[in-house]
């Protein structure tokens, strides 16, 4: 799906008007250049409808959707399929519930990894801890405490 079709398809969705990228050339989310990716991800990380976008984009093979690149969406989708397979085949035993718990822990860790990457991208693009915190409903201090150790900028020193 090209950038124009993507914009048209998404334009019909109610949440699209609340997206941080509303009014932005959607081609930015489909370019291969690193600079374009950084710009696009910086928009995604502060978007109030990132989850809706991510859900819609999970089946897309091109572009950035919900702050995820195609290979990241594929990894998340594979993890979800693995969890579903385990739950459906083992749900009747106690061991299955422990397996499901293990799967949930792995999925949560993957999700946290994706979030940390998005925070690092936003910080690298120059967004403050206040902006990052606001995206997650947190204070500047809470966001800094949660992600500063994994998102160093300025040569290892974390500022802002």
C-alpha atoms as a PDB file:
ATOM      1  CA  UNK A   1       0.000   0.000   0.000  1.00  0.00           C
ATOM      2  CA  UNK A   2       1.494   3.331  -1.029  1.00  0.00           C
ATOM      3  CA  UNK A   3       1.552   6.455   1.076  1.00  0.00           C
ATOM      4  CA  UNK A   4      -1.428   7.991  -0.713  1.00  0.00           C
ATOM      5  CA  UNK A   5      -3.575   4.873  -0.341  1.00  0.00           C
ATOM      6  CA  UNK A   6      -2.514   4.559   3.305  1.00  0.00           C
ATOM      7  CA  UNK A   7      -3.575   8.116   4.022  1.00  0.00           C
ATOM      8  CA  UNK A   8      -6.893   7.614   2.238  1.00  0.00           C
ATOM      9  CA  UNK A   9      -7.621   4.329   4.014  1.00  0.00           C
ATOM     10  CA  UNK A  10      -6.746   5.762   7.393  1.00  0.00           C
ATOM     11  CA  UNK A  11      -8.636   8.986   6.740  1.00  0.00           C
ATOM     12  CA  UNK A  12     -11.881   7.050   7.078  1.00  0.00           C
ATOM     13  CA  UNK A  13     -11.016   5.939  10.607  1.00  0.00           C
ATOM     14  CA  UNK A  14     -12.370   7.973  13.533  1.00  0.00           C
ATOM     15  CA  UNK A  15      -9.077   7.943  15.464  1.00  0.00           C
ATOM     16  CA  UNK A  16      -7.005   9.235  12.544  1.00  0.00           C
ATOM     17  CA  UNK A  17      -8.010  12.841  13.256  1.00  0.00           C
ATOM     18  CA  UNK A  18      -6.515  12.584  16.769  1.00  0.00           C
ATOM     19  CA  UNK A  19      -3.219  11.128  15.545  1.00  0.00           C
ATOM     20  CA  UNK A  20      -0.042  13.125  16.076  1.00  0.00           C
ATOM     21  CA  UNK A  21       0.695  12.636  12.369  1.00  0.00           C
ATOM     22  CA  UNK A  22      -2.645  14.051  11.182  1.00  0.00           C
ATOM     23  CA  UNK A  23      -1.765  16.659   8.593  1.00  0.00           C
ATOM     24  CA  UNK A  24       1.764  15.276   8.130  1.00  0.00           C
ATOM     25  CA  UNK A  25       2.770  13.872   4.732  1.00  0.00           C
ATOM     26  CA  UNK A  26       2.195  10.143   5.311  1.00  0.00           C
ATOM     27  CA  UNK A  27       5.017   9.456   2.861  1.00  0.00           C
ATOM     28  CA  UNK A  28       7.351  10.196   5.774  1.00  0.00           C
ATOM     29  CA  UNK A  29       6.264   6.879   7.313  1.00  0.00           C
ATOM     30  CA  UNK A  30       7.093   4.919   4.162  1.00  0.00           C
ATOM     31  CA  UNK A  31      10.559   6.248   3.293  1.00  0.00           C
ATOM     32  CA  UNK A  32      13.645   4.115   3.843  1.00  0.00           C
ATOM     33  CA  UNK A  33      15.970   6.977   4.807  1.00  0.00           C
ATOM     34  CA  UNK A  34      17.151   6.879   8.425  1.00  0.00           C
ATOM     35  CA  UNK A  35      16.369  10.573   8.911  1.00  0.00           C
ATOM     36  CA  UNK A  36      12.765   9.993   7.801  1.00  0.00           C
ATOM     37  CA  UNK A  37      12.438   7.045  10.165  1.00  0.00           C
ATOM     38  CA  UNK A  38      13.707   9.095  13.101  1.00  0.00           C
ATOM     39  CA  UNK A  39      11.247  11.888  12.285  1.00  0.00           C
ATOM     40  CA  UNK A  40       8.358   9.449  11.892  1.00  0.00           C
ATOM     41  CA  UNK A  41       9.156   7.567  15.117  1.00  0.00           C
ATOM     42  CA  UNK A  42       9.483  10.852  17.006  1.00  0.00           C
ATOM     43  CA  UNK A  43       5.915  11.650  15.939  1.00  0.00           C
ATOM     44  CA  UNK A  44       4.686   8.165  16.884  1.00  0.00           C
ATOM     45  CA  UNK A  45       6.164   8.208  20.369  1.00  0.00           C
ATOM     46  CA  UNK A  46       4.002  11.176  21.395  1.00  0.00           C
ATOM     47  CA  UNK A  47       0.871  10.038  19.552  1.00  0.00           C
ATOM     48  CA  UNK A  48      -2.290   9.582  21.638  1.00  0.00           C
ATOM     49  CA  UNK A  49      -3.625   6.881  19.267  1.00  0.00           C
ATOM     50  CA  UNK A  50      -0.445   4.828  18.813  1.00  0.00           C
ATOM     51  CA  UNK A  51      -2.180   1.593  19.882  1.00  0.00           C
ATOM     52  CA  UNK A  52      -4.999   2.013  17.342  1.00  0.00           C
ATOM     53  CA  UNK A  53      -2.461   2.686  14.609  1.00  0.00           C
ATOM     54  CA  UNK A  54      -0.352  -0.299  15.676  1.00  0.00           C
ATOM     55  CA  UNK A  55      -3.410  -2.574  15.580  1.00  0.00           C
ATOM     56  CA  UNK A  56      -4.372  -1.438  12.082  1.00  0.00           C
ATOM     57  CA  UNK A  57      -0.791  -1.689  10.852  1.00  0.00           C
ATOM     58  CA  UNK A  58       0.039  -5.167  12.167  1.00  0.00           C
ATOM     59  CA  UNK A  59      -0.791  -6.773   8.815  1.00  0.00           C
ATOM     60  CA  UNK A  60       1.036  -4.136   6.766  1.00  0.00           C
ATOM     61  CA  UNK A  61       4.387  -5.080   5.246  1.00  0.00           C
ATOM     62  CA  UNK A  62       5.602  -1.548   4.515  1.00  0.00           C
ATOM     63  CA  UNK A  63       6.006   1.620   6.515  1.00  0.00           C
ATOM     64  CA  UNK A  64       5.950   2.628  10.151  1.00  0.00           C
ATOM     65  CA  UNK A  65       2.676   1.907  11.928  1.00  0.00           C
ATOM     66  CA  UNK A  66       2.109   2.574  15.602  1.00  0.00           C
ATOM     67  CA  UNK A  67       5.802   3.309  16.087  1.00  0.00           C
ATOM     68  CA  UNK A  68       6.897  -0.079  14.722  1.00  0.00           C
ATOM     69  CA  UNK A  69       8.958  -0.897  11.657  1.00  0.00           C
ATOM     70  CA  UNK A  70       7.911  -3.900   9.526  1.00  0.00           C
ATOM     71  CA  UNK A  71      10.434  -6.288  11.135  1.00  0.00           C
ATOM     72  CA  UNK A  72       9.292  -5.196  14.614  1.00  0.00           C
ATOM     73  CA  UNK A  73       5.636  -5.808  13.727  1.00  0.00           C
ATOM     74  CA  UNK A  74       6.576  -9.238  12.373  1.00  0.00           C
ATOM     75  CA  UNK A  75       8.378 -10.071  15.631  1.00  0.00           C
ATOM     76  CA  UNK A  76       5.428  -8.942  17.772  1.00  0.00           C
ATOM     77  CA  UNK A  77       3.016 -10.866  15.538  1.00  0.00           C
ATOM     78  CA  UNK A  78       5.135 -14.038  15.757  1.00  0.00           C
ATOM     79  CA  UNK A  79       5.216 -13.754  19.552  1.00  0.00           C
ATOM     80  CA  UNK A  80       1.437 -13.312  19.663  1.00  0.00           C
ATOM     81  CA  UNK A  81       0.923 -16.376  17.432  1.00  0.00           C
ATOM     82  CA  UNK A  82       3.220 -18.435  19.666  1.00  0.00           C
ATOM     83  CA  UNK A  83       1.233 -17.389  22.738  1.00  0.00           C
ATOM     84  CA  UNK A  84      -2.055 -18.293  21.041  1.00  0.00           C
ATOM     85  CA  UNK A  85      -0.722 -21.698  19.963  1.00  0.00           C
ATOM     86  CA  UNK A  86       0.418 -22.492  23.474  1.00  0.00           C
ATOM     87  CA  UNK A  87      -2.794 -21.334  25.076  1.00  0.00           C
ATOM     88  CA  UNK A  88      -4.980 -23.274  22.672  1.00  0.00           C
ATOM     89  CA  UNK A  89      -3.026 -26.536  22.956  1.00  0.00           C
ATOM     90  CA  UNK A  90      -2.312 -26.546  26.702  1.00  0.00           C
ATOM     91  CA  UNK A  91      -5.051 -24.516  28.318  1.00  0.00           C
ATOM     92  CA  UNK A  92      -6.565 -27.405  30.273  1.00  0.00           C
ATOM     93  CA  UNK A  93      -3.575 -28.227  32.500  1.00  0.00           C
ATOM     94  CA  UNK A  94      -1.793 -26.468  35.327  1.00  0.00           C
ATOM     95  CA  UNK A  95       1.439 -26.569  33.325  1.00  0.00           C
ATOM     96  CA  UNK A  96      -0.390 -24.725  30.561  1.00  0.00           C
ATOM     97  CA  UNK A  97      -1.258 -21.895  32.908  1.00  0.00           C
ATOM     98  CA  UNK A  98       2.399 -21.608  33.855  1.00  0.00           C
ATOM     99  CA  UNK A  99       3.374 -21.703  30.175  1.00  0.00           C
ATOM    100  CA  UNK A 100       0.822 -18.989  29.497  1.00  0.00           C
ATOM    101  CA  UNK A 101       2.319 -16.964  32.322  1.00  0.00           C
ATOM    102  CA  UNK A 102       5.802 -17.424  30.827  1.00  0.00           C
ATOM    103  CA  UNK A 103       4.455 -16.327  27.435  1.00  0.00           C
ATOM    104  CA  UNK A 104       2.858 -13.256  28.966  1.00  0.00           C
ATOM    105  CA  UNK A 105       6.109 -12.323  30.702  1.00  0.00           C
ATOM    106  CA  UNK A 106       8.015 -12.669  27.396  1.00  0.00           C
ATOM    107  CA  UNK A 107       5.372 -10.624  25.550  1.00  0.00           C
ATOM    108  CA  UNK A 108       5.537  -7.914  28.232  1.00  0.00           C
ATOM    109  CA  UNK A 109       9.328  -7.821  27.968  1.00  0.00           C
ATOM    110  CA  UNK A 110       9.089  -7.490  24.187  1.00  0.00           C
ATOM    111  CA  UNK A 111       6.531  -4.726  24.552  1.00  0.00           C
ATOM    112  CA  UNK A 112       8.766  -2.907  27.058  1.00  0.00           C
ATOM    113  CA  UNK A 113      11.656  -3.268  24.609  1.00  0.00           C
ATOM    114  CA  UNK A 114       9.585  -1.648  21.855  1.00  0.00           C
ATOM    115  CA  UNK A 115       8.565   1.167  24.214  1.00  0.00           C
ATOM    116  CA  UNK A 116      12.171   1.742  25.311  1.00  0.00           C
ATOM    117  CA  UNK A 117      13.257   1.914  21.674  1.00  0.00           C
ATOM    118  CA  UNK A 118      10.515   4.445  20.907  1.00  0.00           C
ATOM    119  CA  UNK A 119      11.549   6.536  23.927  1.00  0.00           C
ATOM    120  CA  UNK A 120      15.193   6.408  22.817  1.00  0.00           C
ATOM    121  CA  UNK A 121      14.161   7.506  19.319  1.00  0.00           C
ATOM    122  CA  UNK A 122      12.138  10.413  20.698  1.00  0.00           C
ATOM    123  CA  UNK A 123      14.992  11.483  22.949  1.00  0.00           C
ATOM    124  CA  UNK A 124      17.496  11.217  20.064  1.00  0.00           C
ATOM    125  CA  UNK A 125      15.174  13.434  18.025  1.00  0.00           C
ATOM    126  CA  UNK A 126      15.421  16.058  20.771  1.00  0.00           C
ATOM    127  CA  UNK A 127      12.150  15.541  22.636  1.00  0.00           C
ATOM    128  CA  UNK A 128      12.276  16.347  26.339  1.00  0.00           C
ATOM    129  CA  UNK A 129      11.457  14.032  29.213  1.00  0.00           C
ATOM    130  CA  UNK A 130       8.356  16.157  29.735  1.00  0.00           C
ATOM    131  CA  UNK A 131       7.088  15.306  26.224  1.00  0.00           C
ATOM    132  CA  UNK A 132       7.937  11.621  26.681  1.00  0.00           C
ATOM    133  CA  UNK A 133       6.247  11.516  30.075  1.00  0.00           C
ATOM    134  CA  UNK A 134       3.133  13.203  28.734  1.00  0.00           C
ATOM    135  CA  UNK A 135       2.845  10.511  26.033  1.00  0.00           C
ATOM    136  CA  UNK A 136       2.615   7.882  28.779  1.00  0.00           C
ATOM    137  CA  UNK A 137       0.586   9.889  31.268  1.00  0.00           C
ATOM    138  CA  UNK A 138       3.646  10.290  33.500  1.00  0.00           C
ATOM    139  CA  UNK A 139       5.500  13.206  34.969  1.00  0.00           C
ATOM    140  CA  UNK A 140       8.849  14.257  33.510  1.00  0.00           C
ATOM    141  CA  UNK A 141      10.587  12.802  36.553  1.00  0.00           C
ATOM    142  CA  UNK A 142       8.751   9.479  36.356  1.00  0.00           C
ATOM    143  CA  UNK A 143       9.601   9.087  32.656  1.00  0.00           C
ATOM    144  CA  UNK A 144      13.234   9.949  33.332  1.00  0.00           C
ATOM    145  CA  UNK A 145      13.453   7.474  36.199  1.00  0.00           C
ATOM    146  CA  UNK A 146      11.874   4.695  34.128  1.00  0.00           C
ATOM    147  CA  UNK A 147      13.859   5.057  30.870  1.00  0.00           C
ATOM    148  CA  UNK A 148      16.940   7.246  31.421  1.00  0.00           C
ATOM    149  CA  UNK A 149      19.328   4.356  32.020  1.00  0.00           C
ATOM    150  CA  UNK A 150      18.413   2.754  28.680  1.00  0.00           C
ATOM    151  CA  UNK A 151      18.161   5.922  26.578  1.00  0.00           C
ATOM    152  CA  UNK A 152      21.405   7.838  27.005  1.00  0.00           C
ATOM    153  CA  UNK A 153      21.954  10.737  24.575  1.00  0.00           C
ATOM    154  CA  UNK A 154      24.724  13.323  24.150  1.00  0.00           C
ATOM    155  CA  UNK A 155      27.590  10.850  24.300  1.00  0.00           C
ATOM    156  CA  UNK A 156      26.322   8.881  27.294  1.00  0.00           C
ATOM    157  CA  UNK A 157      25.128  11.827  29.329  1.00  0.00           C
ATOM    158  CA  UNK A 158      21.347  12.123  29.657  1.00  0.00           C
ATOM    159  CA  UNK A 159      20.094  15.670  29.661  1.00  0.00           C
ATOM    160  CA  UNK A 160      16.683  17.289  29.468  1.00  0.00           C
END
